[in-house]
Amino acid sequence: MRKFVPREKLSKKAKRELDKQARKMWGTLNPVTRKAADPGIYKRKRFRIEDYDSAGTFL
């Protein structure tokens, strides 16, 4: 059985190994693409003239 050693007393290399074991893999899922857009954020993208038809309604 392994002895318990506090994280503060571990070497840098041992801390990295612990961190590596604690991380979870997302697999094929990309968490950035799953984030919903915030409705309160200012959007820089402006509507272009090509996005409207001749009647002035958005396509």
PDB file of N, CA and C in Angstrom:
ATOM      1  N   MET A   1       0.839  -1.182   0.000  1.00  0.00           N
ATOM      2  CA  MET A   1       0.000   0.000   0.000  1.00  0.00           C
ATOM      3  C   MET A   1       0.887   1.249   0.000  1.00  0.00           C
ATOM      4  N   ARG A   2       0.502   2.236  -0.805  1.00  0.00           N
ATOM      5  CA  ARG A   2       1.273   3.473  -0.891  1.00  0.00           C
ATOM      6  C   ARG A   2       1.020   4.360   0.309  1.00  0.00           C
ATOM      7  N   LYS A   3       2.062   5.075   0.706  1.00  0.00           N
ATOM      8  CA  LYS A   3       1.909   6.048   1.776  1.00  0.00           C
ATOM      9  C   LYS A   3       1.294   7.321   1.197  1.00  0.00           C
ATOM     10  N   PHE A   4       0.522   8.010   2.012  1.00  0.00           N
ATOM     11  CA  PHE A   4      -0.052   9.277   1.572  1.00  0.00           C
ATOM     12  C   PHE A   4       0.985  10.373   1.762  1.00  0.00           C
ATOM     13  N   VAL A   5       1.234  11.121   0.692  1.00  0.00           N
ATOM     14  CA  VAL A   5       2.151  12.260   0.737  1.00  0.00           C
ATOM     15  C   VAL A   5       1.361  13.478   0.280  1.00  0.00           C
ATOM     16  N   PRO A   6       1.351  14.544   1.098  1.00  0.00           N
ATOM     17  CA  PRO A   6       0.617  15.746   0.695  1.00  0.00           C
ATOM     18  C   PRO A   6       1.143  16.309  -0.619  1.00  0.00           C
ATOM     19  N   ARG A   7       0.263  16.908  -1.371  1.00  0.00           N
ATOM     20  CA  ARG A   7       0.627  17.442  -2.682  1.00  0.00           C
ATOM     21  C   ARG A   7       1.744  18.486  -2.577  1.00  0.00           C
ATOM     22  N   GLU A   8       1.732  19.278  -1.536  1.00  0.00           N
ATOM     23  CA  GLU A   8       2.747  20.319  -1.382  1.00  0.00           C
ATOM     24  C   GLU A   8       4.150  19.733  -1.273  1.00  0.00           C
ATOM     25  N   LYS A   9       4.251  18.516  -0.769  1.00  0.00           N
ATOM     26  CA  LYS A   9       5.562  17.902  -0.577  1.00  0.00           C
ATOM     27  C   LYS A   9       6.008  17.063  -1.769  1.00  0.00           C
ATOM     28  N   LEU A  10       5.153  16.901  -2.755  1.00  0.00           N
ATOM     29  CA  LEU A  10       5.523  16.113  -3.936  1.00  0.00           C
ATOM     30  C   LEU A  10       6.448  16.903  -4.849  1.00  0.00           C
ATOM     31  N   SER A  11       7.204  16.183  -5.641  1.00  0.00           N
ATOM     32  CA  SER A  11       8.068  16.843  -6.614  1.00  0.00           C
ATOM     33  C   SER A  11       7.216  17.368  -7.768  1.00  0.00           C
ATOM     34  N   LYS A  12       7.811  18.233  -8.568  1.00  0.00           N
ATOM     35  CA  LYS A  12       7.096  18.817  -9.710  1.00  0.00           C
ATOM     36  C   LYS A  12       6.649  17.722 -10.673  1.00  0.00           C
ATOM     37  N   LYS A  13       7.516  16.752 -10.886  1.00  0.00           N
ATOM     38  CA  LYS A  13       7.215  15.644 -11.793  1.00  0.00           C
ATOM     39  C   LYS A  13       6.048  14.810 -11.270  1.00  0.00           C
ATOM     40  N   ALA A  14       6.030  14.556  -9.966  1.00  0.00           N
ATOM     41  CA  ALA A  14       4.948  13.766  -9.366  1.00  0.00           C
ATOM     42  C   ALA A  14       3.624  14.528  -9.421  1.00  0.00           C
ATOM     43  N   LYS A  15       3.687  15.845  -9.224  1.00  0.00           N
ATOM     44  CA  LYS A  15       2.470  16.665  -9.319  1.00  0.00           C
ATOM     45  C   LYS A  15       1.888  16.607 -10.715  1.00  0.00           C
ATOM     46  N   ARG A  16       2.765  16.663 -11.723  1.00  0.00           N
ATOM     47  CA  ARG A  16       2.294  16.572 -13.115  1.00  0.00           C
ATOM     48  C   ARG A  16       1.605  15.249 -13.377  1.00  0.00           C
ATOM     49  N   GLU A  17       2.152  14.159 -12.835  1.00  0.00           N
ATOM     50  CA  GLU A  17       1.540  12.842 -13.018  1.00  0.00           C
ATOM     51  C   GLU A  17       0.159  12.775 -12.363  1.00  0.00           C
ATOM     52  N   LEU A  18       0.035  13.348 -11.174  1.00  0.00           N
ATOM     53  CA  LEU A  18      -1.275  13.390 -10.511  1.00  0.00           C
ATOM     54  C   LEU A  18      -2.281  14.191 -11.330  1.00  0.00           C
ATOM     55  N   ASP A  19      -1.834  15.347 -11.853  1.00  0.00           N
ATOM     56  CA  ASP A  19      -2.713  16.184 -12.666  1.00  0.00           C
ATOM     57  C   ASP A  19      -3.146  15.456 -13.923  1.00  0.00           C
ATOM     58  N   LYS A  20      -2.228  14.733 -14.531  1.00  0.00           N
ATOM     59  CA  LYS A  20      -2.532  14.002 -15.754  1.00  0.00           C
ATOM     60  C   LYS A  20      -3.588  12.928 -15.502  1.00  0.00           C
ATOM     61  N   GLN A  21      -3.501  12.259 -14.352  1.00  0.00           N
ATOM     62  CA  GLN A  21      -4.481  11.222 -14.017  1.00  0.00           C
ATOM     63  C   GLN A  21      -5.850  11.821 -13.714  1.00  0.00           C
ATOM     64  N   ALA A  22      -5.861  13.029 -13.144  1.00  0.00           N
ATOM     65  CA  ALA A  22      -7.127  13.653 -12.748  1.00  0.00           C
ATOM     66  C   ALA A  22      -7.897  14.235 -13.928  1.00  0.00           C
ATOM     67  N   ARG A  23      -7.200  14.535 -15.026  1.00  0.00           N
ATOM     68  CA  ARG A  23      -7.878  15.133 -16.186  1.00  0.00           C
ATOM     69  C   ARG A  23      -8.791  14.135 -16.861  1.00  0.00           C
ATOM     70  N   LYS A  24      -9.886  14.641 -17.356  1.00  0.00           N
ATOM     71  CA  LYS A  24     -10.843  13.814 -18.086  1.00  0.00           C
ATOM     72  C   LYS A  24     -10.680  14.076 -19.579  1.00  0.00           C
ATOM     73  N   MET A  25     -10.925  13.078 -20.369  1.00  0.00           N
ATOM     74  CA  MET A  25     -10.871  13.236 -21.819  1.00  0.00           C
ATOM     75  C   MET A  25     -12.270  13.511 -22.343  1.00  0.00           C
ATOM     76  N   TRP A  26     -12.370  14.434 -23.264  1.00  0.00           N
ATOM     77  CA  TRP A  26     -13.645  14.775 -23.877  1.00  0.00           C
ATOM     78  C   TRP A  26     -13.962  13.870 -25.052  1.00  0.00           C
ATOM     79  N   GLY A  27     -12.987  13.124 -25.523  1.00  0.00           N
ATOM     80  CA  GLY A  27     -13.213  12.246 -26.667  1.00  0.00           C
ATOM     81  C   GLY A  27     -13.406  13.076 -27.919  1.00  0.00           C
ATOM     82  N   THR A  28     -14.436  12.783 -28.690  1.00  0.00           N
ATOM     83  CA  THR A  28     -14.687  13.520 -29.931  1.00  0.00           C
ATOM     84  C   THR A  28     -15.470  14.797 -29.690  1.00  0.00           C
ATOM     85  N   LEU A  29     -15.992  14.985 -28.493  1.00  0.00           N
ATOM     86  CA  LEU A  29     -16.776  16.169 -28.172  1.00  0.00           C
ATOM     87  C   LEU A  29     -15.864  17.362 -27.919  1.00  0.00           C
ATOM     88  N   ASN A  30     -16.123  18.467 -28.584  1.00  0.00           N
ATOM     89  CA  ASN A  30     -15.363  19.682 -28.386  1.00  0.00           C
ATOM     90  C   ASN A  30     -16.202  20.614 -27.519  1.00  0.00           C
ATOM     91  N   PRO A  31     -15.781  20.904 -26.277  1.00  0.00           N
ATOM     92  CA  PRO A  31     -16.612  21.714 -25.382  1.00  0.00           C
ATOM     93  C   PRO A  31     -16.785  23.149 -25.859  1.00  0.00           C
ATOM     94  N   VAL A  32     -15.896  23.652 -26.666  1.00  0.00           N
ATOM     95  CA  VAL A  32     -16.004  25.030 -27.143  1.00  0.00           C
ATOM     96  C   VAL A  32     -17.180  25.166 -28.096  1.00  0.00           C
ATOM     97  N   THR A  33     -17.423  24.154 -28.919  1.00  0.00           N
ATOM     98  CA  THR A  33     -18.515  24.232 -29.880  1.00  0.00           C
ATOM     99  C   THR A  33     -19.874  24.052 -29.220  1.00  0.00           C
ATOM    100  N   ARG A  34     -19.896  23.576 -27.988  1.00  0.00           N
ATOM    101  CA  ARG A  34     -21.154  23.337 -27.292  1.00  0.00           C
ATOM    102  C   ARG A  34     -21.620  24.542 -26.483  1.00  0.00           C
ATOM    103  N   LYS A  35     -20.809  25.564 -26.409  1.00  0.00           N
ATOM    104  CA  LYS A  35     -21.144  26.725 -25.598  1.00  0.00           C
ATOM    105  C   LYS A  35     -22.207  27.565 -26.306  1.00  0.00           C
ATOM    106  N   ALA A  36     -23.277  27.888 -25.592  1.00  0.00           N
ATOM    107  CA  ALA A  36     -24.359  28.692 -26.164  1.00  0.00           C
ATOM    108  C   ALA A  36     -23.935  30.154 -26.248  1.00  0.00           C
ATOM    109  N   ALA A  37     -24.415  30.838 -27.248  1.00  0.00           N
ATOM    110  CA  ALA A  37     -24.090  32.256 -27.421  1.00  0.00           C
ATOM    111  C   ALA A  37     -24.793  33.077 -26.347  1.00  0.00           C
ATOM    112  N   ASP A  38     -24.097  34.044 -25.795  1.00  0.00           N
ATOM    113  CA  ASP A  38     -24.656  34.915 -24.767  1.00  0.00           C
ATOM    114  C   ASP A  38     -25.482  36.003 -25.447  1.00  0.00           C
ATOM    115  N   PRO A  39     -26.767  36.114 -25.130  1.00  0.00           N
ATOM    116  CA  PRO A  39     -27.605  37.104 -25.816  1.00  0.00           C
ATOM    117  C   PRO A  39     -27.248  38.549 -25.470  1.00  0.00           C
ATOM    118  N   GLY A  40     -26.549  38.779 -24.372  1.00  0.00           N
ATOM    119  CA  GLY A  40     -26.228  40.144 -23.967  1.00  0.00           C
ATOM    120  C   GLY A  40     -24.946  40.687 -24.570  1.00  0.00           C
ATOM    121  N   ILE A  41     -24.194  39.837 -25.274  1.00  0.00           N
ATOM    122  CA  ILE A  41     -22.912  40.274 -25.832  1.00  0.00           C
ATOM    123  C   ILE A  41     -23.126  41.095 -27.105  1.00  0.00           C
ATOM    124  N   TYR A  42     -22.352  42.166 -27.245  1.00  0.00           N
ATOM    125  CA  TYR A  42     -22.396  42.995 -28.443  1.00  0.00           C
ATOM    126  C   TYR A  42     -21.795  42.214 -29.605  1.00  0.00           C
ATOM    127  N   LYS A  43     -22.496  42.187 -30.721  1.00  0.00           N
ATOM    128  CA  LYS A  43     -22.027  41.465 -31.898  1.00  0.00           C
ATOM    129  C   LYS A  43     -21.496  42.465 -32.920  1.00  0.00           C
ATOM    130  N   ARG A  44     -20.263  42.297 -33.309  1.00  0.00           N
ATOM    131  CA  ARG A  44     -19.637  43.218 -34.247  1.00  0.00           C
ATOM    132  C   ARG A  44     -20.108  43.010 -35.687  1.00  0.00           C
ATOM    133  N   LYS A  45     -20.518  41.786 -35.985  1.00  0.00           N
ATOM    134  CA  LYS A  45     -20.910  41.487 -37.359  1.00  0.00           C
ATOM    135  C   LYS A  45     -22.171  42.275 -37.723  1.00  0.00           C
ATOM    136  N   ARG A  46     -22.064  43.060 -38.744  1.00  0.00           N
ATOM    137  CA  ARG A  46     -23.195  43.874 -39.194  1.00  0.00           C
ATOM    138  C   ARG A  46     -23.925  43.152 -40.325  1.00  0.00           C
ATOM    139  N   PHE A  47     -25.208  43.502 -40.500  1.00  0.00           N
ATOM    140  CA  PHE A  47     -25.950  42.954 -41.617  1.00  0.00           C
ATOM    141  C   PHE A  47     -25.487  43.630 -42.897  1.00  0.00           C
ATOM    142  N   ARG A  48     -25.269  42.857 -43.903  1.00  0.00           N
ATOM    143  CA  ARG A  48     -24.836  43.399 -45.190  1.00  0.00           C
ATOM    144  C   ARG A  48     -26.048  43.636 -46.080  1.00  0.00           C
ATOM    145  N   ILE A  49     -25.863  44.458 -47.086  1.00  0.00           N
ATOM    146  CA  ILE A  49     -26.945  44.751 -48.028  1.00  0.00           C
ATOM    147  C   ILE A  49     -27.372  43.468 -48.738  1.00  0.00           C
ATOM    148  N   GLU A  50     -26.406  42.553 -49.000  1.00  0.00           N
ATOM    149  CA  GLU A  50     -26.729  41.303 -49.712  1.00  0.00           C
ATOM    150  C   GLU A  50     -27.635  40.400 -48.865  1.00  0.00           C
ATOM    151  N   ASP A  51     -27.671  40.610 -47.542  1.00  0.00           N
ATOM    152  CA  ASP A  51     -28.486  39.782 -46.680  1.00  0.00           C
ATOM    153  C   ASP A  51     -29.970  40.158 -46.739  1.00  0.00           C
ATOM    154  N   TYR A  52     -30.284  41.276 -47.343  1.00  0.00           N
ATOM    155  CA  TYR A  52     -31.672  41.740 -47.461  1.00  0.00           C
ATOM    156  C   TYR A  52     -32.147  41.585 -48.901  1.00  0.00           C
ATOM    157  N   ASP A  53     -33.437  41.308 -49.069  1.00  0.00           N
ATOM    158  CA  ASP A  53     -33.978  41.261 -50.434  1.00  0.00           C
ATOM    159  C   ASP A  53     -34.435  42.671 -50.834  1.00  0.00           C
ATOM    160  N   SER A  54     -35.004  42.808 -52.024  1.00  0.00           N
ATOM    161  CA  SER A  54     -35.388  44.125 -52.526  1.00  0.00           C
ATOM    162  C   SER A  54     -36.509  44.777 -51.721  1.00  0.00           C
ATOM    163  N   ALA A  55     -37.309  43.971 -50.999  1.00  0.00           N
ATOM    164  CA  ALA A  55     -38.407  44.526 -50.208  1.00  0.00           C
ATOM    165  C   ALA A  55     -37.925  45.042 -48.853  1.00  0.00           C
ATOM    166  N   GLY A  56     -36.644  44.791 -48.519  1.00  0.00           N
ATOM    167  CA  GLY A  56     -36.097  45.296 -47.271  1.00  0.00           C
ATOM    168  C   GLY A  56     -36.247  44.330 -46.103  1.00  0.00           C
ATOM    169  N   THR A  57     -36.660  43.100 -46.392  1.00  0.00           N
ATOM    170  CA  THR A  57     -36.780  42.110 -45.316  1.00  0.00           C
ATOM    171  C   THR A  57     -35.531  41.237 -45.300  1.00  0.00           C
ATOM    172  N   PHE A  58     -35.194  40.772 -44.120  1.00  0.00           N
ATOM    173  CA  PHE A  58     -34.009  39.950 -43.945  1.00  0.00           C
ATOM    174  C   PHE A  58     -34.246  38.565 -44.525  1.00  0.00           C
ATOM    175  N   LEU A  59     -33.271  38.051 -45.238  1.00  0.00           N
ATOM    176  CA  LEU A  59     -33.404  36.704 -45.841  1.00  0.00           C
ATOM    177  C   LEU A  59     -33.184  35.615 -44.840  1.00  0.00           C
TER     178      LEU A  59
END
